[in-house]
C-alpha cells in the first residue's frame, strides 16, 4: 500500500483528525523515520483502547 493512501485512511482506522494531520505533515516534510515512529505510537494507542 502506498504511504499516501495509508495516511488518507488513518481516520477510518480510528485515528483522530489531528493524528491524521500530524502524520500527513511528517510525510510531506519527508520525515519517514518520524512518520513510522508516530504510526507505531498510534497503533499502540488503538490496541490499548481495544484491550481496555
N, C-alpha and C. Protein backbone atom coordinates (compact mmCIF):
# COMPACT_ATOMS: atom_id res chain seq x y z
N UNK A 1 0.85 -1.18 0.00
CA UNK A 1 0.00 0.00 0.00
C UNK A 1 0.90 1.24 0.00
N UNK A 2 0.53 2.20 -0.77
CA UNK A 2 1.27 3.44 -0.85
C UNK A 2 1.09 4.23 0.44
N UNK A 3 2.14 4.89 0.88
CA UNK A 3 2.13 5.63 2.14
C UNK A 3 1.05 6.71 2.14
N UNK A 4 0.92 7.42 1.04
CA UNK A 4 -0.07 8.49 0.97
C UNK A 4 -1.48 7.94 1.16
N UNK A 5 -1.79 6.81 0.55
CA UNK A 5 -3.11 6.19 0.71
C UNK A 5 -3.32 5.73 2.15
N UNK A 6 -2.28 5.21 2.77
CA UNK A 6 -2.36 4.78 4.16
C UNK A 6 -2.71 5.97 5.06
N UNK A 7 -2.06 7.09 4.86
CA UNK A 7 -2.32 8.28 5.67
C UNK A 7 -3.75 8.77 5.47
N UNK A 8 -4.23 8.73 4.24
CA UNK A 8 -5.59 9.18 3.96
C UNK A 8 -6.64 8.31 4.64
N UNK A 9 -6.30 7.08 4.99
CA UNK A 9 -7.23 6.15 5.61
C UNK A 9 -7.07 6.06 7.13
N UNK A 10 -6.21 6.85 7.72
CA UNK A 10 -5.99 6.77 9.17
C UNK A 10 -7.25 7.08 9.97
N UNK A 11 -8.02 8.05 9.55
CA UNK A 11 -9.24 8.41 10.28
C UNK A 11 -10.21 7.23 10.29
N UNK A 12 -10.33 6.54 9.17
CA UNK A 12 -11.19 5.36 9.10
C UNK A 12 -10.70 4.25 10.03
N UNK A 13 -9.40 4.26 10.31
CA UNK A 13 -8.82 3.23 11.18
C UNK A 13 -8.95 3.57 12.66
N UNK A 14 -9.47 4.75 12.97
CA UNK A 14 -9.67 5.12 14.36
C UNK A 14 -8.77 6.23 14.86
N UNK A 15 -7.87 6.71 14.03
CA UNK A 15 -7.01 7.82 14.45
C UNK A 15 -7.80 9.13 14.40
N UNK A 16 -7.42 10.05 15.26
CA UNK A 16 -8.09 11.35 15.30
C UNK A 16 -7.73 12.18 14.07
N UNK A 17 -8.52 13.20 13.82
CA UNK A 17 -8.23 14.10 12.71
C UNK A 17 -6.88 14.78 12.93
N UNK A 18 -6.60 15.14 14.17
CA UNK A 18 -5.30 15.76 14.49
C UNK A 18 -4.17 14.78 14.22
N UNK A 19 -4.37 13.52 14.56
CA UNK A 19 -3.35 12.50 14.32
C UNK A 19 -3.10 12.32 12.83
N UNK A 20 -4.15 12.36 12.06
CA UNK A 20 -4.02 12.24 10.61
C UNK A 20 -3.27 13.44 10.04
N UNK A 21 -3.58 14.63 10.54
CA UNK A 21 -2.87 15.84 10.08
C UNK A 21 -1.38 15.75 10.43
N UNK A 22 -1.07 15.26 11.62
CA UNK A 22 0.33 15.16 12.03
C UNK A 22 1.07 14.16 11.15
N UNK A 23 0.45 13.02 10.87
CA UNK A 23 1.08 12.02 10.01
C UNK A 23 1.31 12.60 8.61
N UNK A 24 0.33 13.33 8.11
CA UNK A 24 0.46 13.93 6.78
C UNK A 24 1.59 14.96 6.76
N UNK A 25 1.71 15.74 7.82
CA UNK A 25 2.77 16.75 7.90
C UNK A 25 4.15 16.08 7.92
N UNK A 26 4.28 14.99 8.67
CA UNK A 26 5.55 14.26 8.71
C UNK A 26 5.89 13.71 7.34
N UNK A 27 4.89 13.16 6.65
CA UNK A 27 5.10 12.61 5.31
C UNK A 27 5.52 13.70 4.34
N UNK A 28 4.81 14.82 4.36
CA UNK A 28 5.12 15.91 3.44
C UNK A 28 6.48 16.53 3.71
N UNK A 29 6.93 16.48 4.97
CA UNK A 29 8.24 17.00 5.32
C UNK A 29 9.35 16.02 4.96
N UNK A 30 8.96 14.81 4.55
CA UNK A 30 9.96 13.80 4.20
C UNK A 30 10.56 13.09 5.39
N UNK A 31 9.94 13.24 6.55
CA UNK A 31 10.44 12.63 7.78
C UNK A 31 9.84 11.23 7.93
N UNK A 32 10.35 10.29 7.14
CA UNK A 32 9.81 8.94 7.15
C UNK A 32 10.07 8.22 8.47
N UNK A 33 11.24 8.46 9.08
CA UNK A 33 11.52 7.85 10.38
C UNK A 33 10.53 8.35 11.43
N UNK A 34 10.28 9.66 11.43
CA UNK A 34 9.31 10.24 12.35
C UNK A 34 7.91 9.72 12.09
N UNK A 35 7.58 9.54 10.82
CA UNK A 35 6.25 9.03 10.45
C UNK A 35 6.07 7.60 10.96
N UNK A 36 7.06 6.76 10.74
CA UNK A 36 6.97 5.37 11.20
C UNK A 36 6.85 5.33 12.72
N UNK A 37 7.63 6.13 13.41
CA UNK A 37 7.56 6.17 14.87
C UNK A 37 6.18 6.63 15.33
N UNK A 38 5.64 7.64 14.68
CA UNK A 38 4.31 8.15 15.04
C UNK A 38 3.23 7.11 14.76
N UNK A 39 3.30 6.42 13.61
CA UNK A 39 2.31 5.41 13.29
C UNK A 39 2.36 4.24 14.27
N UNK A 40 3.56 3.89 14.73
CA UNK A 40 3.69 2.84 15.75
C UNK A 40 3.00 3.26 17.04
N UNK A 41 3.16 4.52 17.42
CA UNK A 41 2.52 5.03 18.63
C UNK A 41 1.00 4.99 18.47
N UNK A 42 0.50 5.41 17.31
CA UNK A 42 -0.94 5.37 17.05
C UNK A 42 -1.47 3.95 17.15
N UNK A 43 -0.74 3.02 16.58
CA UNK A 43 -1.15 1.61 16.63
C UNK A 43 -1.23 1.12 18.07
N UNK A 44 -0.22 1.44 18.86
CA UNK A 44 -0.21 1.03 20.27
C UNK A 44 -1.40 1.64 21.02
N UNK A 45 -1.67 2.91 20.76
CA UNK A 45 -2.81 3.58 21.42
C UNK A 45 -4.12 2.90 21.06
N UNK A 46 -4.30 2.53 19.80
CA UNK A 46 -5.53 1.89 19.36
C UNK A 46 -5.68 0.49 19.97
N UNK A 47 -4.58 -0.24 20.07
CA UNK A 47 -4.62 -1.57 20.67
C UNK A 47 -4.99 -1.46 22.15
N UNK A 48 -4.44 -0.47 22.83
CA UNK A 48 -4.78 -0.26 24.24
C UNK A 48 -6.27 0.02 24.41
N UNK A 49 -6.85 0.78 23.50
CA UNK A 49 -8.29 1.07 23.57
C UNK A 49 -9.11 -0.21 23.44
N UNK A 50 -8.65 -1.11 22.59
CA UNK A 50 -9.37 -2.37 22.39
C UNK A 50 -9.29 -3.23 23.66
N UNK A 51 -8.12 -3.28 24.26
CA UNK A 51 -7.89 -4.12 25.43
C UNK A 51 -8.64 -3.57 26.65
N UNK A 52 -8.64 -2.26 26.78
CA UNK A 52 -9.29 -1.67 27.95
C UNK A 52 -10.74 -1.51 27.64
